[in-house]
Amino acid sequence: MHARHELYEKFRQDEIDRLILTSVGEEGIDLPDANVLIEVCSLYGSRMKMGQRFSRILRPKDEGAVFYELVSRGTTEQDFSNKIRQFLIAKGYEFSSLE
């Protein structure tokens, strides 16, 4: 079994409580118990990929879920993040900002 799949399974079985994912987390994995996603630097992603990352934690669960995006203020990254956020708001997601 590939090491990545072993880690996913350990997460599903509560043997580990965190995973750090790169673009492999955008498609083809199921992590239904994940309830926190922290995204760092989404500058070069697409709206579709952002939606895929976001949806990883939005499956129904008892505790709810939280998505954090770390963005540098006053940068192109912030402009990109604002556009993605507006797209997701139009899809019905809710956001609040911590500055």
PDB file of N, CA and C in Angstrom:
ATOM      1  N   MET A   1       0.850  -1.177   0.000  1.00  0.00           N
ATOM      2  CA  MET A   1       0.000   0.000   0.000  1.00  0.00           C
ATOM      3  C   MET A   1       0.899   1.244   0.000  1.00  0.00           C
ATOM      4  N   HIS A   2       0.520   2.222  -0.746  1.00  0.00           N
ATOM      5  CA  HIS A   2       1.256   3.480  -0.827  1.00  0.00           C
ATOM      6  C   HIS A   2       1.207   4.195   0.525  1.00  0.00           C
ATOM      7  N   ALA A   3       2.288   4.845   0.912  1.00  0.00           N
ATOM      8  CA  ALA A   3       2.374   5.524   2.211  1.00  0.00           C
ATOM      9  C   ALA A   3       1.238   6.527   2.402  1.00  0.00           C
ATOM     10  N   ARG A   4       0.856   7.212   1.342  1.00  0.00           N
ATOM     11  CA  ARG A   4      -0.223   8.194   1.418  1.00  0.00           C
ATOM     12  C   ARG A   4      -1.523   7.516   1.866  1.00  0.00           C
ATOM     13  N   HIS A   5      -1.836   6.382   1.288  1.00  0.00           N
ATOM     14  CA  HIS A   5      -3.063   5.668   1.641  1.00  0.00           C
ATOM     15  C   HIS A   5      -3.011   5.136   3.068  1.00  0.00           C
ATOM     16  N   GLU A   6      -1.831   4.742   3.510  1.00  0.00           N
ATOM     17  CA  GLU A   6      -1.683   4.305   4.900  1.00  0.00           C
ATOM     18  C   GLU A   6      -1.980   5.453   5.858  1.00  0.00           C
ATOM     19  N   LEU A   7      -1.507   6.650   5.519  1.00  0.00           N
ATOM     20  CA  LEU A   7      -1.785   7.811   6.368  1.00  0.00           C
ATOM     21  C   LEU A   7      -3.268   8.154   6.371  1.00  0.00           C
ATOM     22  N   TYR A   8      -3.917   8.108   5.211  1.00  0.00           N
ATOM     23  CA  TYR A   8      -5.361   8.366   5.152  1.00  0.00           C
ATOM     24  C   TYR A   8      -6.104   7.386   6.055  1.00  0.00           C
ATOM     25  N   GLU A   9      -5.720   6.132   5.985  1.00  0.00           N
ATOM     26  CA  GLU A   9      -6.388   5.112   6.789  1.00  0.00           C
ATOM     27  C   GLU A   9      -6.153   5.349   8.282  1.00  0.00           C
ATOM     28  N   LYS A  10      -4.949   5.711   8.658  1.00  0.00           N
ATOM     29  CA  LYS A  10      -4.665   6.013  10.071  1.00  0.00           C
ATOM     30  C   LYS A  10      -5.498   7.199  10.541  1.00  0.00           C
ATOM     31  N   PHE A  11      -5.684   8.191   9.671  1.00  0.00           N
ATOM     32  CA  PHE A  11      -6.527   9.335  10.023  1.00  0.00           C
ATOM     33  C   PHE A  11      -7.975   8.878  10.213  1.00  0.00           C
ATOM     34  N   ARG A  12      -8.470   8.074   9.315  1.00  0.00           N
ATOM     35  CA  ARG A  12      -9.854   7.570   9.402  1.00  0.00           C
ATOM     36  C   ARG A  12     -10.074   6.733  10.656  1.00  0.00           C
ATOM     37  N   GLN A  13      -9.039   6.037  11.100  1.00  0.00           N
ATOM     38  CA  GLN A  13      -9.139   5.164  12.280  1.00  0.00           C
ATOM     39  C   GLN A  13      -8.772   5.889  13.579  1.00  0.00           C
ATOM     40  N   ASP A  14      -8.575   7.206  13.510  1.00  0.00           N
ATOM     41  CA  ASP A  14      -8.200   8.028  14.671  1.00  0.00           C
ATOM     42  C   ASP A  14      -6.861   7.656  15.279  1.00  0.00           C
ATOM     43  N   GLU A  15      -5.974   7.050  14.494  1.00  0.00           N
ATOM     44  CA  GLU A  15      -4.631   6.763  14.974  1.00  0.00           C
ATOM     45  C   GLU A  15      -3.749   8.005  14.884  1.00  0.00           C
ATOM     46  N   ILE A  16      -4.080   8.906  13.962  1.00  0.00           N
ATOM     47  CA  ILE A  16      -3.440  10.225  13.888  1.00  0.00           C
ATOM     48  C   ILE A  16      -4.560  11.253  13.764  1.00  0.00           C
ATOM     49  N   ASP A  17      -4.309  12.473  14.239  1.00  0.00           N
ATOM     50  CA  ASP A  17      -5.392  13.459  14.233  1.00  0.00           C
ATOM     51  C   ASP A  17      -5.173  14.630  13.283  1.00  0.00           C
ATOM     52  N   ARG A  18      -4.086  14.602  12.480  1.00  0.00           N
ATOM     53  CA  ARG A  18      -3.841  15.668  11.498  1.00  0.00           C
ATOM     54  C   ARG A  18      -3.201  15.092  10.257  1.00  0.00           C
ATOM     55  N   LEU A  19      -3.505  15.760   9.157  1.00  0.00           N
ATOM     56  CA  LEU A  19      -2.849  15.461   7.887  1.00  0.00           C
ATOM     57  C   LEU A  19      -2.461  16.782   7.248  1.00  0.00           C
ATOM     58  N   ILE A  20      -1.327  16.807   6.624  1.00  0.00           N
ATOM     59  CA  ILE A  20      -0.917  17.960   5.826  1.00  0.00           C
ATOM     60  C   ILE A  20      -0.946  17.498   4.375  1.00  0.00           C
ATOM     61  N   LEU A  21      -1.766  18.154   3.592  1.00  0.00           N
ATOM     62  CA  LEU A  21      -1.955  17.752   2.205  1.00  0.00           C
ATOM     63  C   LEU A  21      -1.488  18.839   1.249  1.00  0.00           C
ATOM     64  N   THR A  22      -0.996  18.414   0.127  1.00  0.00           N
ATOM     65  CA  THR A  22      -0.708  19.345  -0.962  1.00  0.00           C
ATOM     66  C   THR A  22      -1.839  19.184  -1.967  1.00  0.00           C
ATOM     67  N   SER A  23      -1.571  19.335  -3.215  1.00  0.00           N
ATOM     68  CA  SER A  23      -2.626  19.224  -4.223  1.00  0.00           C
ATOM     69  C   SER A  23      -3.260  17.837  -4.264  1.00  0.00           C
ATOM     70  N   VAL A  24      -2.641  16.832  -3.636  1.00  0.00           N
ATOM     71  CA  VAL A  24      -3.252  15.499  -3.617  1.00  0.00           C
ATOM     72  C   VAL A  24      -4.574  15.514  -2.861  1.00  0.00           C
ATOM     73  N   GLY A  25      -4.786  16.531  -2.034  1.00  0.00           N
ATOM     74  CA  GLY A  25      -6.024  16.618  -1.272  1.00  0.00           C
ATOM     75  C   GLY A  25      -7.192  17.166  -2.055  1.00  0.00           C
ATOM     76  N   GLU A  26      -6.970  17.544  -3.296  1.00  0.00           N
ATOM     77  CA  GLU A  26      -8.043  18.154  -4.074  1.00  0.00           C
ATOM     78  C   GLU A  26      -8.999  17.134  -4.685  1.00  0.00           C
ATOM     79  N   GLU A  27      -8.520  15.963  -4.992  1.00  0.00           N
ATOM     80  CA  GLU A  27      -9.368  14.991  -5.677  1.00  0.00           C
ATOM     81  C   GLU A  27      -9.072  13.574  -5.205  1.00  0.00           C
ATOM     82  N   GLY A  28     -10.103  12.762  -5.232  1.00  0.00           N
ATOM     83  CA  GLY A  28      -9.925  11.330  -5.094  1.00  0.00           C
ATOM     84  C   GLY A  28      -9.686  10.798  -3.699  1.00  0.00           C
ATOM     85  N   ILE A  29      -9.868  11.612  -2.659  1.00  0.00           N
ATOM     86  CA  ILE A  29      -9.744  11.064  -1.312  1.00  0.00           C
ATOM     87  C   ILE A  29     -11.008  11.391  -0.539  1.00  0.00           C
ATOM     88  N   ASP A  30     -11.302  10.571   0.428  1.00  0.00           N
ATOM     89  CA  ASP A  30     -12.465  10.775   1.263  1.00  0.00           C
ATOM     90  C   ASP A  30     -12.000  10.835   2.707  1.00  0.00           C
ATOM     91  N   LEU A  31     -12.180  11.972   3.322  1.00  0.00           N
ATOM     92  CA  LEU A  31     -11.811  12.163   4.724  1.00  0.00           C
ATOM     93  C   LEU A  31     -13.037  12.718   5.459  1.00  0.00           C
ATOM     94  N   PRO A  32     -14.068  11.892   5.634  1.00  0.00           N
ATOM     95  CA  PRO A  32     -15.341  12.393   6.150  1.00  0.00           C
ATOM     96  C   PRO A  32     -15.275  12.954   7.564  1.00  0.00           C
ATOM     97  N   ASP A  33     -14.296  12.561   8.367  1.00  0.00           N
ATOM     98  CA  ASP A  33     -14.221  13.051   9.736  1.00  0.00           C
ATOM     99  C   ASP A  33     -13.384  14.315   9.881  1.00  0.00           C
ATOM    100  N   ALA A  34     -12.773  14.777   8.801  1.00  0.00           N
ATOM    101  CA  ALA A  34     -11.990  16.017   8.881  1.00  0.00           C
ATOM    102  C   ALA A  34     -12.938  17.171   9.184  1.00  0.00           C
ATOM    103  N   ASN A  35     -12.562  18.020  10.144  1.00  0.00           N
ATOM    104  CA  ASN A  35     -13.439  19.138  10.481  1.00  0.00           C
ATOM    105  C   ASN A  35     -12.732  20.485  10.498  1.00  0.00           C
ATOM    106  N   VAL A  36     -11.443  20.513  10.188  1.00  0.00           N
ATOM    107  CA  VAL A  36     -10.700  21.767  10.077  1.00  0.00           C
ATOM    108  C   VAL A  36      -9.812  21.682   8.848  1.00  0.00           C
ATOM    109  N   LEU A  37      -9.857  22.726   8.054  1.00  0.00           N
ATOM    110  CA  LEU A  37      -8.969  22.843   6.900  1.00  0.00           C
ATOM    111  C   LEU A  37      -8.284  24.196   6.989  1.00  0.00           C
ATOM    112  N   ILE A  38      -6.974  24.192   6.939  1.00  0.00           N
ATOM    113  CA  ILE A  38      -6.200  25.426   6.932  1.00  0.00           C
ATOM    114  C   ILE A  38      -5.487  25.481   5.594  1.00  0.00           C
ATOM    115  N   GLU A  39      -5.809  26.489   4.814  1.00  0.00           N
ATOM    116  CA  GLU A  39      -5.178  26.638   3.506  1.00  0.00           C
ATOM    117  C   GLU A  39      -4.169  27.777   3.569  1.00  0.00           C
ATOM    118  N   VAL A  40      -2.998  27.511   3.059  1.00  0.00           N
ATOM    119  CA  VAL A  40      -1.939  28.501   3.023  1.00  0.00           C
ATOM    120  C   VAL A  40      -1.615  28.782   1.565  1.00  0.00           C
ATOM    121  N   CYS A  41      -1.735  30.018   1.163  1.00  0.00           N
ATOM    122  CA  CYS A  41      -1.377  30.472  -0.180  1.00  0.00           C
ATOM    123  C   CYS A  41      -2.125  29.727  -1.282  1.00  0.00           C
ATOM    124  N   SER A  42      -3.263  30.244  -1.632  1.00  0.00           N
ATOM    125  CA  SER A  42      -4.069  29.636  -2.695  1.00  0.00           C
ATOM    126  C   SER A  42      -3.956  30.414  -4.001  1.00  0.00           C
ATOM    127  N   LEU A  43      -2.916  31.179  -4.156  1.00  0.00           N
ATOM    128  CA  LEU A  43      -2.789  32.114  -5.277  1.00  0.00           C
ATOM    129  C   LEU A  43      -2.924  31.457  -6.638  1.00  0.00           C
ATOM    130  N   TYR A  44      -2.404  30.268  -6.810  1.00  0.00           N
ATOM    131  CA  TYR A  44      -2.382  29.679  -8.148  1.00  0.00           C
ATOM    132  C   TYR A  44      -3.423  28.578  -8.343  1.00  0.00           C
ATOM    133  N   GLY A  45      -4.406  28.523  -7.471  1.00  0.00           N
ATOM    134  CA  GLY A  45      -5.466  27.541  -7.633  1.00  0.00           C
ATOM    135  C   GLY A  45      -6.606  28.101  -8.469  1.00  0.00           C
ATOM    136  N   SER A  46      -7.509  27.250  -8.837  1.00  0.00           N
ATOM    137  CA  SER A  46      -8.688  27.684  -9.569  1.00  0.00           C
ATOM    138  C   SER A  46      -9.883  27.677  -8.623  1.00  0.00           C
ATOM    139  N   ARG A  47     -10.992  28.270  -9.059  1.00  0.00           N
ATOM    140  CA  ARG A  47     -12.202  28.233  -8.248  1.00  0.00           C
ATOM    141  C   ARG A  47     -12.645  26.786  -8.040  1.00  0.00           C
ATOM    142  N   MET A  48     -12.515  25.976  -9.067  1.00  0.00           N
ATOM    143  CA  MET A  48     -12.917  24.577  -8.957  1.00  0.00           C
ATOM    144  C   MET A  48     -12.056  23.854  -7.919  1.00  0.00           C
ATOM    145  N   LYS A  49     -10.749  24.058  -7.956  1.00  0.00           N
ATOM    146  CA  LYS A  49      -9.868  23.388  -6.997  1.00  0.00           C
ATOM    147  C   LYS A  49     -10.123  23.880  -5.575  1.00  0.00           C
ATOM    148  N   MET A  50     -10.377  25.179  -5.435  1.00  0.00           N
ATOM    149  CA  MET A  50     -10.697  25.719  -4.112  1.00  0.00           C
ATOM    150  C   MET A  50     -11.982  25.069  -3.599  1.00  0.00           C
ATOM    151  N   GLY A  51     -12.962  24.937  -4.457  1.00  0.00           N
ATOM    152  CA  GLY A  51     -14.206  24.274  -4.073  1.00  0.00           C
ATOM    153  C   GLY A  51     -13.988  22.828  -3.668  1.00  0.00           C
ATOM    154  N   GLN A  52     -13.090  22.140  -4.365  1.00  0.00           N
ATOM    155  CA  GLN A  52     -12.789  20.754  -4.020  1.00  0.00           C
ATOM    156  C   GLN A  52     -12.129  20.664  -2.650  1.00  0.00           C
ATOM    157  N   ARG A  53     -11.188  21.555  -2.379  1.00  0.00           N
ATOM    158  CA  ARG A  53     -10.533  21.549  -1.064  1.00  0.00           C
ATOM    159  C   ARG A  53     -11.550  21.871   0.025  1.00  0.00           C
ATOM    160  N   PHE A  54     -12.347  22.886  -0.231  1.00  0.00           N
ATOM    161  CA  PHE A  54     -13.356  23.349   0.717  1.00  0.00           C
ATOM    162  C   PHE A  54     -14.352  22.243   1.023  1.00  0.00           C
ATOM    163  N   SER A  55     -14.768  21.509   0.008  1.00  0.00           N
ATOM    164  CA  SER A  55     -15.792  20.476   0.208  1.00  0.00           C
ATOM    165  C   SER A  55     -15.278  19.283   0.999  1.00  0.00           C
ATOM    166  N   ARG A  56     -13.972  19.128   1.155  1.00  0.00           N
ATOM    167  CA  ARG A  56     -13.425  18.014   1.929  1.00  0.00           C
ATOM    168  C   ARG A  56     -13.912  18.039   3.375  1.00  0.00           C
ATOM    169  N   ILE A  57     -14.199  19.212   3.912  1.00  0.00           N
ATOM    170  CA  ILE A  57     -14.606  19.292   5.313  1.00  0.00           C
ATOM    171  C   ILE A  57     -16.086  19.609   5.484  1.00  0.00           C
ATOM    172  N   LEU A  58     -16.812  19.820   4.413  1.00  0.00           N
ATOM    173  CA  LEU A  58     -18.198  20.259   4.533  1.00  0.00           C
ATOM    174  C   LEU A  58     -19.220  19.134   4.566  1.00  0.00           C
ATOM    175  N   ARG A  59     -18.776  17.923   4.648  1.00  0.00           N
ATOM    176  CA  ARG A  59     -19.726  16.824   4.769  1.00  0.00           C
ATOM    177  C   ARG A  59     -20.403  16.909   6.144  1.00  0.00           C
ATOM    178  N   PRO A  60     -21.683  16.509   6.220  1.00  0.00           N
ATOM    179  CA  PRO A  60     -22.389  16.596   7.512  1.00  0.00           C
ATOM    180  C   PRO A  60     -21.658  15.818   8.607  1.00  0.00           C
ATOM    181  N   LYS A  61     -21.542  16.445   9.768  1.00  0.00           N
ATOM    182  CA  LYS A  61     -20.921  15.814  10.928  1.00  0.00           C
ATOM    183  C   LYS A  61     -21.420  16.486  12.184  1.00  0.00           C
ATOM    184  N   ASP A  62     -21.296  15.808  13.306  1.00  0.00           N
ATOM    185  CA  ASP A  62     -21.823  16.329  14.565  1.00  0.00           C
ATOM    186  C   ASP A  62     -21.194  17.652  14.977  1.00  0.00           C
ATOM    187  N   GLU A  63     -19.885  17.787  14.824  1.00  0.00           N
ATOM    188  CA  GLU A  63     -19.174  18.958  15.337  1.00  0.00           C
ATOM    189  C   GLU A  63     -19.162  20.147  14.392  1.00  0.00           C
ATOM    190  N   GLY A  64     -19.580  20.000  13.159  1.00  0.00           N
ATOM    191  CA  GLY A  64     -19.453  21.080  12.192  1.00  0.00           C
ATOM    192  C   GLY A  64     -18.035  21.115  11.646  1.00  0.00           C
ATOM    193  N   ALA A  65     -17.733  22.147  10.885  1.00  0.00           N
ATOM    194  CA  ALA A  65     -16.415  22.236  10.254  1.00  0.00           C
ATOM    195  C   ALA A  65     -16.007  23.700  10.109  1.00  0.00           C
ATOM    196  N   VAL A  66     -14.689  23.911  10.050  1.00  0.00           N
ATOM    197  CA  VAL A  66     -14.145  25.260   9.924  1.00  0.00           C
ATOM    198  C   VAL A  66     -13.074  25.252   8.841  1.00  0.00           C
ATOM    199  N   PHE A  67     -13.095  26.288   8.023  1.00  0.00           N
ATOM    200  CA  PHE A  67     -12.108  26.464   6.961  1.00  0.00           C
ATOM    201  C   PHE A  67     -11.361  27.761   7.237  1.00  0.00           C
ATOM    202  N   TYR A  68     -10.037  27.680   7.345  1.00  0.00           N
ATOM    203  CA  TYR A  68      -9.200  28.860   7.529  1.00  0.00           C
ATOM    204  C   TYR A  68      -8.346  29.041   6.285  1.00  0.00           C
ATOM    205  N   GLU A  69      -8.248  30.269   5.842  1.00  0.00           N
ATOM    206  CA  GLU A  69      -7.364  30.584   4.723  1.00  0.00           C
ATOM    207  C   GLU A  69      -6.418  31.675   5.188  1.00  0.00           C
ATOM    208  N   LEU A  70      -5.127  31.404   5.118  1.00  0.00           N
ATOM    209  CA  LEU A  70      -4.128  32.387   5.508  1.00  0.00           C
ATOM    210  C   LEU A  70      -3.695  33.153   4.272  1.00  0.00           C
ATOM    211  N   VAL A  71      -3.863  34.477   4.326  1.00  0.00           N
ATOM    212  CA  VAL A  71      -3.599  35.319   3.170  1.00  0.00           C
ATOM    213  C   VAL A  71      -2.811  36.551   3.629  1.00  0.00           C
ATOM    214  N   SER A  72      -1.829  36.947   2.858  1.00  0.00           N
ATOM    215  CA  SER A  72      -1.044  38.147   3.170  1.00  0.00           C
ATOM    216  C   SER A  72      -1.813  39.392   2.732  1.00  0.00           C
ATOM    217  N   ARG A  73      -2.020  40.287   3.652  1.00  0.00           N
ATOM    218  CA  ARG A  73      -2.761  41.517   3.395  1.00  0.00           C
ATOM    219  C   ARG A  73      -2.021  42.400   2.388  1.00  0.00           C
ATOM    220  N   GLY A  74      -2.780  43.030   1.486  1.00  0.00           N
ATOM    221  CA  GLY A  74      -2.213  43.982   0.533  1.00  0.00           C
ATOM    222  C   GLY A  74      -1.459  43.342  -0.621  1.00  0.00           C
ATOM    223  N   THR A  75      -1.752  42.084  -0.911  1.00  0.00           N
ATOM    224  CA  THR A  75      -1.034  41.368  -1.967  1.00  0.00           C
ATOM    225  C   THR A  75      -1.992  40.910  -3.069  1.00  0.00           C
ATOM    226  N   THR A  76      -1.427  40.442  -4.148  1.00  0.00           N
ATOM    227  CA  THR A  76      -2.221  39.834  -5.210  1.00  0.00           C
ATOM    228  C   THR A  76      -2.969  38.622  -4.665  1.00  0.00           C
ATOM    229  N   GLU A  77      -2.346  37.937  -3.736  1.00  0.00           N
ATOM    230  CA  GLU A  77      -2.974  36.783  -3.095  1.00  0.00           C
ATOM    231  C   GLU A  77      -4.300  37.187  -2.434  1.00  0.00           C
ATOM    232  N   GLN A  78      -4.325  38.336  -1.797  1.00  0.00           N
ATOM    233  CA  GLN A  78      -5.547  38.803  -1.151  1.00  0.00           C
ATOM    234  C   GLN A  78      -6.630  39.091  -2.196  1.00  0.00           C
ATOM    235  N   ASP A  79      -6.258  39.706  -3.301  1.00  0.00           N
ATOM    236  CA  ASP A  79      -7.218  39.960  -4.377  1.00  0.00           C
ATOM    237  C   ASP A  79      -7.799  38.653  -4.902  1.00  0.00           C
ATOM    238  N   PHE A  80      -6.929  37.675  -5.134  1.00  0.00           N
ATOM    239  CA  PHE A  80      -7.370  36.371  -5.632  1.00  0.00           C
ATOM    240  C   PHE A  80      -8.317  35.714  -4.623  1.00  0.00           C
ATOM    241  N   SER A  81      -7.954  35.760  -3.351  1.00  0.00           N
ATOM    242  CA  SER A  81      -8.768  35.168  -2.302  1.00  0.00           C
ATOM    243  C   SER A  81     -10.151  35.806  -2.264  1.00  0.00           C
ATOM    244  N   ASN A  82     -10.204  37.124  -2.408  1.00  0.00           N
ATOM    245  CA  ASN A  82     -11.492  37.823  -2.404  1.00  0.00           C
ATOM    246  C   ASN A  82     -12.375  37.366  -3.562  1.00  0.00           C
ATOM    247  N   LYS A  83     -11.803  37.165  -4.722  1.00  0.00           N
ATOM    248  CA  LYS A  83     -12.573  36.697  -5.883  1.00  0.00           C
ATOM    249  C   LYS A  83     -13.106  35.286  -5.645  1.00  0.00           C
ATOM    250  N   ILE A  84     -12.265  34.418  -5.113  1.00  0.00           N
ATOM    251  CA  ILE A  84     -12.697  33.047  -4.821  1.00  0.00           C
ATOM    252  C   ILE A  84     -13.805  33.065  -3.773  1.00  0.00           C
ATOM    253  N   ARG A  85     -13.630  33.875  -2.735  1.00  0.00           N
ATOM    254  CA  ARG A  85     -14.631  33.963  -1.671  1.00  0.00           C
ATOM    255  C   ARG A  85     -15.975  34.423  -2.234  1.00  0.00           C
ATOM    256  N   GLN A  86     -15.953  35.430  -3.112  1.00  0.00           N
ATOM    257  CA  GLN A  86     -17.201  35.912  -3.717  1.00  0.00           C
ATOM    258  C   GLN A  86     -17.865  34.804  -4.538  1.00  0.00           C
ATOM    259  N   PHE A  87     -17.078  34.020  -5.241  1.00  0.00           N
ATOM    260  CA  PHE A  87     -17.607  32.896  -6.008  1.00  0.00           C
ATOM    261  C   PHE A  87     -18.301  31.904  -5.079  1.00  0.00           C
ATOM    262  N   LEU A  88     -17.646  31.558  -3.959  1.00  0.00           N
ATOM    263  CA  LEU A  88     -18.216  30.585  -3.030  1.00  0.00           C
ATOM    264  C   LEU A  88     -19.437  31.140  -2.299  1.00  0.00           C
ATOM    265  N   ILE A  89     -19.432  32.434  -1.993  1.00  0.00           N
ATOM    266  CA  ILE A  89     -20.605  33.063  -1.379  1.00  0.00           C
ATOM    267  C   ILE A  89     -21.793  32.972  -2.333  1.00  0.00           C
ATOM    268  N   ALA A  90     -21.536  33.198  -3.614  1.00  0.00           N
ATOM    269  CA  ALA A  90     -22.603  33.084  -4.617  1.00  0.00           C
ATOM    270  C   ALA A  90     -23.149  31.660  -4.689  1.00  0.00           C
ATOM    271  N   LYS A  91     -22.341  30.676  -4.300  1.00  0.00           N
ATOM    272  CA  LYS A  91     -22.769  29.271  -4.268  1.00  0.00           C
ATOM    273  C   LYS A  91     -23.486  28.918  -2.980  1.00  0.00           C
ATOM    274  N   GLY A  92     -23.565  29.874  -2.040  1.00  0.00           N
ATOM    275  CA  GLY A  92     -24.316  29.644  -0.799  1.00  0.00           C
ATOM    276  C   GLY A  92     -23.484  29.423   0.451  1.00  0.00           C
ATOM    277  N   TYR A  93     -22.158  29.484   0.350  1.00  0.00           N
ATOM    278  CA  TYR A  93     -21.323  29.319   1.527  1.00  0.00           C
ATOM    279  C   TYR A  93     -21.262  30.626   2.305  1.00  0.00           C
ATOM    280  N   GLU A  94     -21.043  30.508   3.607  1.00  0.00           N
ATOM    281  CA  GLU A  94     -20.929  31.693   4.459  1.00  0.00           C
ATOM    282  C   GLU A  94     -19.487  31.859   4.929  1.00  0.00           C
ATOM    283  N   PHE A  95     -19.061  33.106   5.072  1.00  0.00           N
ATOM    284  CA  PHE A  95     -17.704  33.412   5.490  1.00  0.00           C
ATOM    285  C   PHE A  95     -17.708  34.511   6.537  1.00  0.00           C
ATOM    286  N   SER A  96     -16.713  34.488   7.377  1.00  0.00           N
ATOM    287  CA  SER A  96     -16.407  35.624   8.235  1.00  0.00           C
ATOM    288  C   SER A  96     -14.894  35.786   8.213  1.00  0.00           C
ATOM    289  N   SER A  97     -14.459  37.012   8.372  1.00  0.00           N
ATOM    290  CA  SER A  97     -13.031  37.311   8.278  1.00  0.00           C
ATOM    291  C   SER A  97     -12.459  37.655   9.643  1.00  0.00           C
ATOM    292  N   LEU A  98     -11.252  37.170   9.876  1.00  0.00           N
ATOM    293  CA  LEU A  98     -10.484  37.548  11.070  1.00  0.00           C
ATOM    294  C   LEU A  98      -9.298  38.332  10.566  1.00  0.00           C
ATOM    295  N   GLU A  99      -9.129  39.511  11.024  1.00  0.00           N
ATOM    296  CA  GLU A  99      -8.003  40.329  10.530  1.00  0.00           C
ATOM    297  C   GLU A  99      -7.094  40.684  11.674  1.00  0.00           C
TER     298      GLU A  99
END
